[in-house]
Amino acid sequence: MKPLCEIIVLDYLPVVRAIMAKRMMEKYGLSQKETAKRLGISQPAVSQYKKEVRGAKADRIRGNPEAMKMLDFLSKKLAGGELSQEQASMEFCELCKHIRPNGTDCTIPLHVGH
């Protein structure tokens, strides 16, 4: 049995970071180094997201218009330096509500076979 947060971290967080990193570089002109700093990750991780070595399952989120709207908002605010890491974390919690498998509640552990 895996707790839902573990599923989110393993399966969805890399996708979210990949989408945001690409948006921050392509749409807002940030360098990989600056993107990494604002996302709180390493520059090599950003490079892997850019090359889709990590976060390659983006279709899981791209098909969710509400989640994409939230990612656009987060990307813009982080790129502009308008959100602290703490505020971004809180926004991610809201995003998580829109991307959870089957709309499940965080208090319910799921068994997911990979």
PDB file of N, CA and C in Angstrom:
ATOM      1  N   MET A   1       0.851  -1.182   0.000  1.00  0.00           N
ATOM      2  CA  MET A   1       0.000   0.000   0.000  1.00  0.00           C
ATOM      3  C   MET A   1       0.896   1.245   0.000  1.00  0.00           C
ATOM      4  N   LYS A   2       0.593   2.180  -0.888  1.00  0.00           N
ATOM      5  CA  LYS A   2       1.334   3.431  -0.943  1.00  0.00           C
ATOM      6  C   LYS A   2       0.424   4.583  -0.531  1.00  0.00           C
ATOM      7  N   PRO A   3       0.900   5.450   0.339  1.00  0.00           N
ATOM      8  CA  PRO A   3       0.115   6.653   0.653  1.00  0.00           C
ATOM      9  C   PRO A   3       0.012   7.538  -0.596  1.00  0.00           C
ATOM     10  N   LEU A   4      -1.060   8.258  -0.703  1.00  0.00           N
ATOM     11  CA  LEU A   4      -1.303   9.102  -1.872  1.00  0.00           C
ATOM     12  C   LEU A   4      -0.180  10.104  -2.102  1.00  0.00           C
ATOM     13  N   CYS A   5       0.346  10.686  -1.047  1.00  0.00           N
ATOM     14  CA  CYS A   5       1.425  11.664  -1.221  1.00  0.00           C
ATOM     15  C   CYS A   5       2.646  11.030  -1.882  1.00  0.00           C
ATOM     16  N   GLU A   6       2.922   9.779  -1.583  1.00  0.00           N
ATOM     17  CA  GLU A   6       4.046   9.098  -2.224  1.00  0.00           C
ATOM     18  C   GLU A   6       3.788   8.930  -3.722  1.00  0.00           C
ATOM     19  N   ILE A   7       2.578   8.590  -4.063  1.00  0.00           N
ATOM     20  CA  ILE A   7       2.210   8.450  -5.480  1.00  0.00           C
ATOM     21  C   ILE A   7       2.374   9.791  -6.194  1.00  0.00           C
ATOM     22  N   ILE A   8       1.903  10.852  -5.569  1.00  0.00           N
ATOM     23  CA  ILE A   8       2.006  12.190  -6.161  1.00  0.00           C
ATOM     24  C   ILE A   8       3.476  12.556  -6.366  1.00  0.00           C
ATOM     25  N   VAL A   9       4.294  12.352  -5.339  1.00  0.00           N
ATOM     26  CA  VAL A   9       5.707  12.724  -5.426  1.00  0.00           C
ATOM     27  C   VAL A   9       6.430  11.917  -6.502  1.00  0.00           C
ATOM     28  N   LEU A  10       6.162  10.636  -6.568  1.00  0.00           N
ATOM     29  CA  LEU A  10       6.869   9.783  -7.527  1.00  0.00           C
ATOM     30  C   LEU A  10       6.361   9.944  -8.959  1.00  0.00           C
ATOM     31  N   ASP A  11       5.058  10.059  -9.127  1.00  0.00           N
ATOM     32  CA  ASP A  11       4.471  10.034 -10.466  1.00  0.00           C
ATOM     33  C   ASP A  11       4.102  11.397 -11.034  1.00  0.00           C
ATOM     34  N   TYR A  12       3.762  12.340 -10.199  1.00  0.00           N
ATOM     35  CA  TYR A  12       3.246  13.613 -10.701  1.00  0.00           C
ATOM     36  C   TYR A  12       4.185  14.801 -10.497  1.00  0.00           C
ATOM     37  N   LEU A  13       4.932  14.836  -9.404  1.00  0.00           N
ATOM     38  CA  LEU A  13       5.815  15.971  -9.156  1.00  0.00           C
ATOM     39  C   LEU A  13       6.839  16.169 -10.272  1.00  0.00           C
ATOM     40  N   PRO A  14       7.476  15.108 -10.783  1.00  0.00           N
ATOM     41  CA  PRO A  14       8.402  15.330 -11.905  1.00  0.00           C
ATOM     42  C   PRO A  14       7.711  15.932 -13.134  1.00  0.00           C
ATOM     43  N   VAL A  15       6.486  15.536 -13.373  1.00  0.00           N
ATOM     44  CA  VAL A  15       5.730  16.075 -14.511  1.00  0.00           C
ATOM     45  C   VAL A  15       5.442  17.556 -14.292  1.00  0.00           C
ATOM     46  N   VAL A  16       5.005  17.903 -13.099  1.00  0.00           N
ATOM     47  CA  VAL A  16       4.719  19.302 -12.771  1.00  0.00           C
ATOM     48  C   VAL A  16       5.980  20.139 -12.938  1.00  0.00           C
ATOM     49  N   ARG A  17       7.079  19.664 -12.391  1.00  0.00           N
ATOM     50  CA  ARG A  17       8.337  20.408 -12.505  1.00  0.00           C
ATOM     51  C   ARG A  17       8.777  20.544 -13.962  1.00  0.00           C
ATOM     52  N   ALA A  18       8.618  19.498 -14.745  1.00  0.00           N
ATOM     53  CA  ALA A  18       9.015  19.554 -16.151  1.00  0.00           C
ATOM     54  C   ALA A  18       8.214  20.608 -16.907  1.00  0.00           C
ATOM     55  N   ILE A  19       6.909  20.614 -16.701  1.00  0.00           N
ATOM     56  CA  ILE A  19       6.055  21.597 -17.377  1.00  0.00           C
ATOM     57  C   ILE A  19       6.428  23.008 -16.940  1.00  0.00           C
ATOM     58  N   MET A  20       6.594  23.202 -15.636  1.00  0.00           N
ATOM     59  CA  MET A  20       6.917  24.529 -15.128  1.00  0.00           C
ATOM     60  C   MET A  20       8.291  24.986 -15.600  1.00  0.00           C
ATOM     61  N   ALA A  21       9.281  24.107 -15.566  1.00  0.00           N
ATOM     62  CA  ALA A  21      10.628  24.484 -15.994  1.00  0.00           C
ATOM     63  C   ALA A  21      10.628  24.927 -17.455  1.00  0.00           C
ATOM     64  N   LYS A  22       9.958  24.158 -18.304  1.00  0.00           N
ATOM     65  CA  LYS A  22       9.890  24.528 -19.723  1.00  0.00           C
ATOM     66  C   LYS A  22       9.202  25.874 -19.902  1.00  0.00           C
ATOM     67  N   ARG A  23       8.096  26.082 -19.216  1.00  0.00           N
ATOM     68  CA  ARG A  23       7.373  27.351 -19.338  1.00  0.00           C
ATOM     69  C   ARG A  23       8.234  28.523 -18.872  1.00  0.00           C
ATOM     70  N   MET A  24       8.926  28.335 -17.758  1.00  0.00           N
ATOM     71  CA  MET A  24       9.727  29.425 -17.206  1.00  0.00           C
ATOM     72  C   MET A  24      10.880  29.802 -18.138  1.00  0.00           C
ATOM     73  N   MET A  25      11.435  28.818 -18.816  1.00  0.00           N
ATOM     74  CA  MET A  25      12.530  29.109 -19.742  1.00  0.00           C
ATOM     75  C   MET A  25      12.019  29.643 -21.077  1.00  0.00           C
ATOM     76  N   GLU A  26      11.000  28.981 -21.641  1.00  0.00           N
ATOM     77  CA  GLU A  26      10.523  29.344 -22.975  1.00  0.00           C
ATOM     78  C   GLU A  26       9.645  30.590 -22.976  1.00  0.00           C
ATOM     79  N   LYS A  27       8.728  30.682 -22.043  1.00  0.00           N
ATOM     80  CA  LYS A  27       7.780  31.785 -22.044  1.00  0.00           C
ATOM     81  C   LYS A  27       8.312  33.032 -21.333  1.00  0.00           C
ATOM     82  N   TYR A  28       9.114  32.806 -20.274  1.00  0.00           N
ATOM     83  CA  TYR A  28       9.577  33.941 -19.464  1.00  0.00           C
ATOM     84  C   TYR A  28      11.071  34.203 -19.583  1.00  0.00           C
ATOM     85  N   GLY A  29      11.774  33.419 -20.416  1.00  0.00           N
ATOM     86  CA  GLY A  29      13.167  33.685 -20.734  1.00  0.00           C
ATOM     87  C   GLY A  29      14.177  33.448 -19.620  1.00  0.00           C
ATOM     88  N   LEU A  30      13.837  32.662 -18.628  1.00  0.00           N
ATOM     89  CA  LEU A  30      14.780  32.380 -17.561  1.00  0.00           C
ATOM     90  C   LEU A  30      15.817  31.359 -18.019  1.00  0.00           C
ATOM     91  N   SER A  31      17.004  31.469 -17.481  1.00  0.00           N
ATOM     92  CA  SER A  31      18.055  30.485 -17.761  1.00  0.00           C
ATOM     93  C   SER A  31      17.765  29.216 -16.964  1.00  0.00           C
ATOM     94  N   GLN A  32      18.459  28.151 -17.305  1.00  0.00           N
ATOM     95  CA  GLN A  32      18.301  26.910 -16.536  1.00  0.00           C
ATOM     96  C   GLN A  32      18.688  27.141 -15.077  1.00  0.00           C
ATOM     97  N   LYS A  33      19.751  27.896 -14.865  1.00  0.00           N
ATOM     98  CA  LYS A  33      20.223  28.163 -13.499  1.00  0.00           C
ATOM     99  C   LYS A  33      19.166  28.927 -12.695  1.00  0.00           C
ATOM    100  N   GLU A  34      18.601  29.970 -13.299  1.00  0.00           N
ATOM    101  CA  GLU A  34      17.590  30.772 -12.599  1.00  0.00           C
ATOM    102  C   GLU A  34      16.307  29.973 -12.400  1.00  0.00           C
ATOM    103  N   THR A  35      15.930  29.178 -13.383  1.00  0.00           N
ATOM    104  CA  THR A  35      14.750  28.324 -13.257  1.00  0.00           C
ATOM    105  C   THR A  35      14.940  27.353 -12.098  1.00  0.00           C
ATOM    106  N   ALA A  36      16.118  26.744 -12.036  1.00  0.00           N
ATOM    107  CA  ALA A  36      16.418  25.798 -10.951  1.00  0.00           C
ATOM    108  C   ALA A  36      16.310  26.492  -9.587  1.00  0.00           C
ATOM    109  N   LYS A  37      16.854  27.668  -9.497  1.00  0.00           N
ATOM    110  CA  LYS A  37      16.823  28.420  -8.232  1.00  0.00           C
ATOM    111  C   LYS A  37      15.380  28.692  -7.805  1.00  0.00           C
ATOM    112  N   ARG A  38      14.570  29.123  -8.733  1.00  0.00           N
ATOM    113  CA  ARG A  38      13.184  29.486  -8.396  1.00  0.00           C
ATOM    114  C   ARG A  38      12.312  28.268  -8.109  1.00  0.00           C
ATOM    115  N   LEU A  39      12.657  27.112  -8.706  1.00  0.00           N
ATOM    116  CA  LEU A  39      11.911  25.883  -8.423  1.00  0.00           C
ATOM    117  C   LEU A  39      12.477  25.127  -7.222  1.00  0.00           C
ATOM    118  N   GLY A  40      13.651  25.548  -6.745  1.00  0.00           N
ATOM    119  CA  GLY A  40      14.266  24.877  -5.601  1.00  0.00           C
ATOM    120  C   GLY A  40      14.845  23.518  -5.949  1.00  0.00           C
ATOM    121  N   ILE A  41      15.348  23.397  -7.194  1.00  0.00           N
ATOM    122  CA  ILE A  41      15.938  22.141  -7.663  1.00  0.00           C
ATOM    123  C   ILE A  41      17.295  22.454  -8.285  1.00  0.00           C
ATOM    124  N   SER A  42      18.004  21.423  -8.712  1.00  0.00           N
ATOM    125  CA  SER A  42      19.323  21.641  -9.303  1.00  0.00           C
ATOM    126  C   SER A  42      19.221  22.000 -10.792  1.00  0.00           C
ATOM    127  N   GLN A  43      20.269  22.657 -11.294  1.00  0.00           N
ATOM    128  CA  GLN A  43      20.308  22.982 -12.721  1.00  0.00           C
ATOM    129  C   GLN A  43      20.354  21.714 -13.569  1.00  0.00           C
ATOM    130  N   PRO A  44      21.112  20.660 -13.167  1.00  0.00           N
ATOM    131  CA  PRO A  44      21.055  19.430 -13.960  1.00  0.00           C
ATOM    132  C   PRO A  44      19.653  18.825 -14.028  1.00  0.00           C
ATOM    133  N   ALA A  45      18.873  18.964 -12.967  1.00  0.00           N
ATOM    134  CA  ALA A  45      17.489  18.473 -13.002  1.00  0.00           C
ATOM    135  C   ALA A  45      16.689  19.249 -14.043  1.00  0.00           C
ATOM    136  N   VAL A  46      16.875  20.559 -14.095  1.00  0.00           N
ATOM    137  CA  VAL A  46      16.174  21.385 -15.091  1.00  0.00           C
ATOM    138  C   VAL A  46      16.580  20.943 -16.496  1.00  0.00           C
ATOM    139  N   SER A  47      17.853  20.676 -16.695  1.00  0.00           N
ATOM    140  CA  SER A  47      18.329  20.205 -17.991  1.00  0.00           C
ATOM    141  C   SER A  47      17.639  18.901 -18.384  1.00  0.00           C
ATOM    142  N   GLN A  48      17.491  18.003 -17.428  1.00  0.00           N
ATOM    143  CA  GLN A  48      16.811  16.733 -17.712  1.00  0.00           C
ATOM    144  C   GLN A  48      15.333  16.946 -18.001  1.00  0.00           C
ATOM    145  N   TYR A  49      14.700  17.885 -17.304  1.00  0.00           N
ATOM    146  CA  TYR A  49      13.295  18.193 -17.589  1.00  0.00           C
ATOM    147  C   TYR A  49      13.164  18.761 -18.996  1.00  0.00           C
ATOM    148  N   LYS A  50      14.096  19.635 -19.374  1.00  0.00           N
ATOM    149  CA  LYS A  50      14.063  20.248 -20.702  1.00  0.00           C
ATOM    150  C   LYS A  50      14.189  19.198 -21.804  1.00  0.00           C
ATOM    151  N   LYS A  51      15.029  18.199 -21.572  1.00  0.00           N
ATOM    152  CA  LYS A  51      15.244  17.130 -22.545  1.00  0.00           C
ATOM    153  C   LYS A  51      14.211  16.013 -22.418  1.00  0.00           C
ATOM    154  N   GLU A  52      13.298  16.162 -21.468  1.00  0.00           N
ATOM    155  CA  GLU A  52      12.256  15.177 -21.168  1.00  0.00           C
ATOM    156  C   GLU A  52      12.827  13.822 -20.737  1.00  0.00           C
ATOM    157  N   VAL A  53      14.012  13.860 -20.113  1.00  0.00           N
ATOM    158  CA  VAL A  53      14.576  12.661 -19.491  1.00  0.00           C
ATOM    159  C   VAL A  53      13.795  12.390 -18.205  1.00  0.00           C
ATOM    160  N   ARG A  54      13.413  13.459 -17.538  1.00  0.00           N
ATOM    161  CA  ARG A  54      12.549  13.388 -16.364  1.00  0.00           C
ATOM    162  C   ARG A  54      11.221  14.035 -16.727  1.00  0.00           C
ATOM    163  N   GLY A  55      10.162  13.604 -16.054  1.00  0.00           N
ATOM    164  CA  GLY A  55       8.864  14.239 -16.260  1.00  0.00           C
ATOM    165  C   GLY A  55       8.263  13.986 -17.618  1.00  0.00           C
ATOM    166  N   ALA A  56       8.593  12.851 -18.212  1.00  0.00           N
ATOM    167  CA  ALA A  56       8.144  12.565 -19.577  1.00  0.00           C
ATOM    168  C   ALA A  56       6.663  12.211 -19.672  1.00  0.00           C
ATOM    169  N   LYS A  57       5.982  12.039 -18.556  1.00  0.00           N
ATOM    170  CA  LYS A  57       4.575  11.643 -18.575  1.00  0.00           C
ATOM    171  C   LYS A  57       3.657  12.862 -18.451  1.00  0.00           C
ATOM    172  N   ALA A  58       4.019  13.948 -19.120  1.00  0.00           N
ATOM    173  CA  ALA A  58       3.292  15.208 -18.995  1.00  0.00           C
ATOM    174  C   ALA A  58       1.853  15.128 -19.456  1.00  0.00           C
ATOM    175  N   ASP A  59       1.530  14.146 -20.305  1.00  0.00           N
ATOM    176  CA  ASP A  59       0.159  14.026 -20.784  1.00  0.00           C
ATOM    177  C   ASP A  59      -0.812  13.759 -19.639  1.00  0.00           C
ATOM    178  N   ARG A  60      -0.319  13.266 -18.518  1.00  0.00           N
ATOM    179  CA  ARG A  60      -1.166  13.033 -17.343  1.00  0.00           C
ATOM    180  C   ARG A  60      -1.792  14.333 -16.835  1.00  0.00           C
ATOM    181  N   ILE A  61      -1.083  15.421 -17.045  1.00  0.00           N
ATOM    182  CA  ILE A  61      -1.559  16.707 -16.536  1.00  0.00           C
ATOM    183  C   ILE A  61      -2.040  17.607 -17.665  1.00  0.00           C
ATOM    184  N   ARG A  62      -1.423  17.531 -18.826  1.00  0.00           N
ATOM    185  CA  ARG A  62      -1.804  18.400 -19.943  1.00  0.00           C
ATOM    186  C   ARG A  62      -3.266  18.239 -20.332  1.00  0.00           C
ATOM    187  N   GLY A  63      -3.848  17.091 -20.077  1.00  0.00           N
ATOM    188  CA  GLY A  63      -5.248  16.863 -20.397  1.00  0.00           C
ATOM    189  C   GLY A  63      -6.209  17.398 -19.349  1.00  0.00           C
ATOM    190  N   ASN A  64      -5.683  18.055 -18.323  1.00  0.00           N
ATOM    191  CA  ASN A  64      -6.488  18.589 -17.233  1.00  0.00           C
ATOM    192  C   ASN A  64      -6.431  20.123 -17.293  1.00  0.00           C
ATOM    193  N   PRO A  65      -7.446  20.768 -17.898  1.00  0.00           N
ATOM    194  CA  PRO A  65      -7.398  22.223 -18.089  1.00  0.00           C
ATOM    195  C   PRO A  65      -7.230  23.019 -16.790  1.00  0.00           C
ATOM    196  N   GLU A  66      -7.871  22.589 -15.724  1.00  0.00           N
ATOM    197  CA  GLU A  66      -7.754  23.309 -14.446  1.00  0.00           C
ATOM    198  C   GLU A  66      -6.328  23.220 -13.904  1.00  0.00           C
ATOM    199  N   ALA A  67      -5.731  22.045 -14.009  1.00  0.00           N
ATOM    200  CA  ALA A  67      -4.353  21.866 -13.548  1.00  0.00           C
ATOM    201  C   ALA A  67      -3.400  22.717 -14.389  1.00  0.00           C
ATOM    202  N   MET A  68      -3.615  22.755 -15.696  1.00  0.00           N
ATOM    203  CA  MET A  68      -2.748  23.548 -16.570  1.00  0.00           C
ATOM    204  C   MET A  68      -2.887  25.041 -16.275  1.00  0.00           C
ATOM    205  N   LYS A  69      -4.080  25.475 -15.973  1.00  0.00           N
ATOM    206  CA  LYS A  69      -4.298  26.881 -15.604  1.00  0.00           C
ATOM    207  C   LYS A  69      -3.506  27.210 -14.337  1.00  0.00           C
ATOM    208  N   MET A  70      -3.550  26.301 -13.382  1.00  0.00           N
ATOM    209  CA  MET A  70      -2.814  26.510 -12.134  1.00  0.00           C
ATOM    210  C   MET A  70      -1.309  26.488 -12.377  1.00  0.00           C
ATOM    211  N   LEU A  71      -0.842  25.600 -13.251  1.00  0.00           N
ATOM    212  CA  LEU A  71       0.585  25.551 -13.569  1.00  0.00           C
ATOM    213  C   LEU A  71       1.043  26.818 -14.280  1.00  0.00           C
ATOM    214  N   ASP A  72       0.211  27.351 -15.154  1.00  0.00           N
ATOM    215  CA  ASP A  72       0.541  28.612 -15.817  1.00  0.00           C
ATOM    216  C   ASP A  72       0.686  29.727 -14.792  1.00  0.00           C
ATOM    217  N   PHE A  73      -0.248  29.782 -13.848  1.00  0.00           N
ATOM    218  CA  PHE A  73      -0.206  30.786 -12.782  1.00  0.00           C
ATOM    219  C   PHE A  73       1.073  30.632 -11.958  1.00  0.00           C
ATOM    220  N   LEU A  74       1.359  29.414 -11.523  1.00  0.00           N
ATOM    221  CA  LEU A  74       2.553  29.164 -10.713  1.00  0.00           C
ATOM    222  C   LEU A  74       3.822  29.512 -11.474  1.00  0.00           C
ATOM    223  N   SER A  75       3.893  29.119 -12.722  1.00  0.00           N
ATOM    224  CA  SER A  75       5.080  29.405 -13.539  1.00  0.00           C
ATOM    225  C   SER A  75       5.303  30.905 -13.663  1.00  0.00           C
ATOM    226  N   LYS A  76       4.251  31.630 -13.947  1.00  0.00           N
ATOM    227  CA  LYS A  76       4.349  33.085 -14.105  1.00  0.00           C
ATOM    228  C   LYS A  76       4.794  33.751 -12.812  1.00  0.00           C
ATOM    229  N   LYS A  77       4.167  33.363 -11.706  1.00  0.00           N
ATOM    230  CA  LYS A  77       4.490  33.983 -10.416  1.00  0.00           C
ATOM    231  C   LYS A  77       5.908  33.641  -9.968  1.00  0.00           C
ATOM    232  N   LEU A  78       6.338  32.391 -10.166  1.00  0.00           N
ATOM    233  CA  LEU A  78       7.705  32.016  -9.798  1.00  0.00           C
ATOM    234  C   LEU A  78       8.721  32.687 -10.711  1.00  0.00           C
ATOM    235  N   ALA A  79       8.438  32.728 -12.004  1.00  0.00           N
ATOM    236  CA  ALA A  79       9.352  33.369 -12.953  1.00  0.00           C
ATOM    237  C   ALA A  79       9.535  34.842 -12.623  1.00  0.00           C
ATOM    238  N   GLY A  80       8.465  35.481 -12.168  1.00  0.00           N
ATOM    239  CA  GLY A  80       8.520  36.895 -11.826  1.00  0.00           C
ATOM    240  C   GLY A  80       8.998  37.164 -10.414  1.00  0.00           C
ATOM    241  N   GLY A  81       9.333  36.113  -9.689  1.00  0.00           N
ATOM    242  CA  GLY A  81       9.799  36.288  -8.313  1.00  0.00           C
ATOM    243  C   GLY A  81       8.715  36.738  -7.356  1.00  0.00           C
ATOM    244  N   GLU A  82       7.461  36.443  -7.714  1.00  0.00           N
ATOM    245  CA  GLU A  82       6.329  36.919  -6.918  1.00  0.00           C
ATOM    246  C   GLU A  82       5.864  35.944  -5.845  1.00  0.00           C
ATOM    247  N   LEU A  83       6.440  34.734  -5.825  1.00  0.00           N
ATOM    248  CA  LEU A  83       6.065  33.732  -4.822  1.00  0.00           C
ATOM    249  C   LEU A  83       7.308  33.223  -4.112  1.00  0.00           C
ATOM    250  N   SER A  84       7.209  33.095  -2.805  1.00  0.00           N
ATOM    251  CA  SER A  84       8.287  32.457  -2.053  1.00  0.00           C
ATOM    252  C   SER A  84       8.173  30.952  -2.234  1.00  0.00           C
ATOM    253  N   GLN A  85       9.193  30.221  -1.840  1.00  0.00           N
ATOM    254  CA  GLN A  85       9.140  28.764  -1.897  1.00  0.00           C
ATOM    255  C   GLN A  85       7.980  28.246  -1.048  1.00  0.00           C
ATOM    256  N   GLU A  86       7.749  28.870   0.094  1.00  0.00           N
ATOM    257  CA  GLU A  86       6.644  28.454   0.971  1.00  0.00           C
ATOM    258  C   GLU A  86       5.296  28.679   0.293  1.00  0.00           C
ATOM    259  N   GLN A  87       5.117  29.834  -0.331  1.00  0.00           N
ATOM    260  CA  GLN A  87       3.872  30.114  -1.037  1.00  0.00           C
ATOM    261  C   GLN A  87       3.688  29.159  -2.213  1.00  0.00           C
ATOM    262  N   ALA A  88       4.771  28.879  -2.915  1.00  0.00           N
ATOM    263  CA  ALA A  88       4.702  27.942  -4.043  1.00  0.00           C
ATOM    264  C   ALA A  88       4.309  26.552  -3.559  1.00  0.00           C
ATOM    265  N   SER A  89       4.813  26.157  -2.412  1.00  0.00           N
ATOM    266  CA  SER A  89       4.448  24.850  -1.843  1.00  0.00           C
ATOM    267  C   SER A  89       2.961  24.785  -1.529  1.00  0.00           C
ATOM    268  N   MET A  90       2.430  25.855  -1.001  1.00  0.00           N
ATOM    269  CA  MET A  90       0.994  25.895  -0.698  1.00  0.00           C
ATOM    270  C   MET A  90       0.172  25.840  -1.981  1.00  0.00           C
ATOM    271  N   GLU A  91       0.629  26.526  -3.017  1.00  0.00           N
ATOM    272  CA  GLU A  91      -0.066  26.487  -4.301  1.00  0.00           C
ATOM    273  C   GLU A  91      -0.012  25.075  -4.895  1.00  0.00           C
ATOM    274  N   PHE A  92       1.123  24.385  -4.685  1.00  0.00           N
ATOM    275  CA  PHE A  92       1.227  23.015  -5.176  1.00  0.00           C
ATOM    276  C   PHE A  92       0.204  22.121  -4.486  1.00  0.00           C
ATOM    277  N   CYS A  93      -0.028  22.350  -3.209  1.00  0.00           N
ATOM    278  CA  CYS A  93      -1.041  21.557  -2.496  1.00  0.00           C
ATOM    279  C   CYS A  93      -2.418  21.740  -3.138  1.00  0.00           C
ATOM    280  N   GLU A  94      -2.709  22.955  -3.564  1.00  0.00           N
ATOM    281  CA  GLU A  94      -3.978  23.202  -4.259  1.00  0.00           C
ATOM    282  C   GLU A  94      -3.992  22.485  -5.610  1.00  0.00           C
ATOM    283  N   LEU A  95      -2.875  22.554  -6.323  1.00  0.00           N
ATOM    284  CA  LEU A  95      -2.760  21.865  -7.600  1.00  0.00           C
ATOM    285  C   LEU A  95      -2.961  20.361  -7.421  1.00  0.00           C
ATOM    286  N   CYS A  96      -2.407  19.834  -6.360  1.00  0.00           N
ATOM    287  CA  CYS A  96      -2.498  18.400  -6.077  1.00  0.00           C
ATOM    288  C   CYS A  96      -3.949  17.939  -6.023  1.00  0.00           C
ATOM    289  N   LYS A  97      -4.824  18.774  -5.523  1.00  0.00           N
ATOM    290  CA  LYS A  97      -6.249  18.426  -5.445  1.00  0.00           C
ATOM    291  C   LYS A  97      -6.841  18.170  -6.831  1.00  0.00           C
ATOM    292  N   HIS A  98      -6.258  18.795  -7.842  1.00  0.00           N
ATOM    293  CA  HIS A  98      -6.779  18.670  -9.205  1.00  0.00           C
ATOM    294  C   HIS A  98      -6.136  17.541  -9.999  1.00  0.00           C
ATOM    295  N   ILE A  99      -5.022  17.014  -9.492  1.00  0.00           N
ATOM    296  CA  ILE A  99      -4.326  15.981 -10.256  1.00  0.00           C
ATOM    297  C   ILE A  99      -4.319  14.618  -9.574  1.00  0.00           C
ATOM    298  N   ARG A 100      -4.892  14.541  -8.394  1.00  0.00           N
ATOM    299  CA  ARG A 100      -4.934  13.251  -7.695  1.00  0.00           C
ATOM    300  C   ARG A 100      -5.692  12.218  -8.505  1.00  0.00           C
ATOM    301  N   PRO A 101      -5.220  10.981  -8.461  1.00  0.00           N
ATOM    302  CA  PRO A 101      -5.942   9.924  -9.168  1.00  0.00           C
ATOM    303  C   PRO A 101      -7.361   9.761  -8.634  1.00  0.00           C
ATOM    304  N   ASN A 102      -8.329   9.762  -9.510  1.00  0.00           N
ATOM    305  CA  ASN A 102      -9.730   9.502  -9.171  1.00  0.00           C
ATOM    306  C   ASN A 102     -10.309  10.455  -8.131  1.00  0.00           C
ATOM    307  N   GLY A 103      -9.726  11.622  -7.972  1.00  0.00           N
ATOM    308  CA  GLY A 103     -10.250  12.582  -7.015  1.00  0.00           C
ATOM    309  C   GLY A 103     -10.185  12.130  -5.579  1.00  0.00           C
ATOM    310  N   THR A 104      -9.257  11.234  -5.268  1.00  0.00           N
ATOM    311  CA  THR A 104      -9.185  10.686  -3.918  1.00  0.00           C
ATOM    312  C   THR A 104      -8.749  11.726  -2.900  1.00  0.00           C
ATOM    313  N   ASP A 105      -9.076  11.465  -1.682  1.00  0.00           N
ATOM    314  CA  ASP A 105      -8.730  12.318  -0.561  1.00  0.00           C
ATOM    315  C   ASP A 105      -7.349  11.921  -0.045  1.00  0.00           C
ATOM    316  N   CYS A 106      -6.571  12.878   0.419  1.00  0.00           N
ATOM    317  CA  CYS A 106      -5.218  12.593   0.908  1.00  0.00           C
ATOM    318  C   CYS A 106      -5.198  11.643   2.101  1.00  0.00           C
ATOM    319  N   THR A 107      -6.295  11.535   2.801  1.00  0.00           N
ATOM    320  CA  THR A 107      -6.307  10.694   3.987  1.00  0.00           C
ATOM    321  C   THR A 107      -6.510   9.223   3.651  1.00  0.00           C
ATOM    322  N   ILE A 108      -6.799   8.916   2.393  1.00  0.00           N
ATOM    323  CA  ILE A 108      -7.061   7.532   1.994  1.00  0.00           C
ATOM    324  C   ILE A 108      -5.838   6.956   1.302  1.00  0.00           C
ATOM    325  N   PRO A 109      -5.158   5.967   1.917  1.00  0.00           N
ATOM    326  CA  PRO A 109      -4.027   5.351   1.223  1.00  0.00           C
ATOM    327  C   PRO A 109      -4.506   4.498   0.056  1.00  0.00           C
ATOM    328  N   LEU A 110      -3.749   4.484  -1.015  1.00  0.00           N
ATOM    329  CA  LEU A 110      -4.107   3.716  -2.199  1.00  0.00           C
ATOM    330  C   LEU A 110      -3.100   2.610  -2.427  1.00  0.00           C
ATOM    331  N   HIS A 111      -3.544   1.559  -3.033  1.00  0.00           N
ATOM    332  CA  HIS A 111      -2.627   0.518  -3.489  1.00  0.00           C
ATOM    333  C   HIS A 111      -2.516   0.672  -5.001  1.00  0.00           C
ATOM    334  N   VAL A 112      -1.336   0.998  -5.452  1.00  0.00           N
ATOM    335  CA  VAL A 112      -1.120   1.189  -6.880  1.00  0.00           C
ATOM    336  C   VAL A 112      -0.002   0.271  -7.314  1.00  0.00           C
ATOM    337  N   GLY A 113      -0.297  -0.611  -8.237  1.00  0.00           N
ATOM    338  CA  GLY A 113       0.724  -1.500  -8.763  1.00  0.00           C
ATOM    339  C   GLY A 113       1.413  -0.894  -9.951  1.00  0.00           C
ATOM    340  N   HIS A 114       2.712  -0.905  -9.936  1.00  0.00           N
ATOM    341  CA  HIS A 114       3.476  -0.355 -11.078  1.00  0.00           C
ATOM    342  C   HIS A 114       4.160  -1.473 -11.795  1.00  0.00           C
TER     343      HIS A 114
END
